């Protein structure tokens, strides 16, 4: 079984990566199962995540557009203190 990787909606701020599994029989490609989609943003954590999950040469293509500097800020995590009664 082989895998097709598509960079969908690649922008300077984000990318959606679609992967589809397929087999080839007599020169015809048959897709197996449903496509998988993952979204990544051009933030510090998004860059780390995409680097761990996207193989070359796709990763280099994304990084060529994103450049050297993340442009999406990291989400703020609200710190809530929960008091025990």
Protein backbone atom coordinates (compact mmCIF):
# COMPACT_ATOMS: atom_id res chain seq x y z
CA UNK A 1 0.00 0.00 0.00
CA UNK A 2 1.27 3.45 -0.88
CA UNK A 3 0.46 6.89 0.47
CA UNK A 4 -0.35 10.12 -1.36
CA UNK A 5 0.38 13.36 0.53
CA UNK A 6 -1.27 16.62 -0.50
CA UNK A 7 -0.49 20.09 0.86
CA UNK A 8 -3.91 21.69 0.82
CA UNK A 9 -4.48 25.39 1.47
CA UNK A 10 -0.82 26.22 2.11
CA UNK A 11 -0.52 29.83 3.28
CA UNK A 12 2.16 31.77 5.19
CA UNK A 13 0.14 31.15 8.39
CA UNK A 14 -1.01 27.53 8.05
CA UNK A 15 -1.31 24.35 6.02
CA UNK A 16 -3.71 21.45 5.83
CA UNK A 17 -2.04 18.12 5.04
CA UNK A 18 -4.18 15.42 3.45
CA UNK A 19 -2.96 11.83 3.28
CA UNK A 20 -4.64 9.10 1.25
CA UNK A 21 -3.68 5.43 1.14
CA UNK A 22 -3.92 3.60 -2.18
CA UNK A 23 -2.95 0.54 -4.17
CA UNK A 24 -2.15 0.27 -7.88
CA UNK A 25 -3.63 -2.59 -9.89
CA UNK A 26 -2.91 -2.82 -13.62
CA UNK A 27 -1.79 0.82 -13.68
CA UNK A 28 -4.93 2.16 -11.99
CA UNK A 29 -4.77 3.82 -8.57
CA UNK A 30 -7.46 2.70 -6.08
CA UNK A 31 -7.84 4.66 -2.86
CA UNK A 32 -8.36 2.70 0.34
CA UNK A 33 -10.38 4.10 3.26
CA UNK A 34 -11.00 7.73 4.05
CA UNK A 35 -8.45 10.52 3.67
CA UNK A 36 -6.76 11.81 6.82
CA UNK A 37 -6.42 15.57 7.32
CA UNK A 38 -4.14 17.39 9.77
CA UNK A 39 -3.83 21.17 10.18
CA UNK A 40 -0.69 22.98 11.29
CA UNK A 41 -0.10 26.65 12.03
CA UNK A 42 3.09 28.66 11.63
CA UNK A 43 3.78 28.97 15.36
CA UNK A 44 6.64 27.61 17.44
CA UNK A 45 4.62 24.56 18.54
CA UNK A 46 3.08 24.12 15.06
CA UNK A 47 6.54 24.03 13.50
CA UNK A 48 7.65 21.40 16.00
CA UNK A 49 4.56 19.29 15.38
CA UNK A 50 4.79 19.42 11.57
CA UNK A 51 8.52 18.61 11.72
CA UNK A 52 7.70 15.43 13.66
CA UNK A 53 4.88 14.32 11.36
CA UNK A 54 5.52 15.45 7.78
CA UNK A 55 8.23 13.74 5.69
CA UNK A 56 10.51 15.34 3.13
CA UNK A 57 10.19 16.86 0.58
CA UNK A 58 6.80 18.09 1.83
CA UNK A 59 8.25 19.58 5.01
CA UNK A 60 10.80 21.62 3.04
CA UNK A 61 8.03 22.91 0.78
CA UNK A 62 6.03 24.18 3.75
CA UNK A 63 9.09 25.69 5.43
CA UNK A 64 10.10 27.45 2.20
CA UNK A 65 6.84 29.41 2.30
CA UNK A 66 6.75 29.84 6.08
CA UNK A 67 10.30 31.18 6.24
CA UNK A 68 12.48 31.25 9.34
CA UNK A 69 10.12 33.05 11.72
CA UNK A 70 6.79 31.85 13.16
CA UNK A 71 4.01 34.38 12.53
CA UNK A 72 1.18 32.84 14.57
CA UNK A 73 1.35 33.50 18.32
CA UNK A 74 1.14 30.60 20.73
CA UNK A 75 -2.30 30.21 22.30
CA UNK A 76 -2.52 31.51 25.82
CA UNK A 77 -3.22 28.88 28.42
CA UNK A 78 -5.43 30.16 31.16
CA UNK A 79 -4.25 29.21 34.61
CA UNK A 80 -7.21 28.43 36.85
CA UNK A 81 -6.81 27.81 40.50
CA UNK A 82 -9.27 25.28 41.79
CA UNK A 83 -9.81 25.54 45.51
CA UNK A 84 -10.83 22.50 47.43
CA UNK A 85 -13.78 22.78 49.78
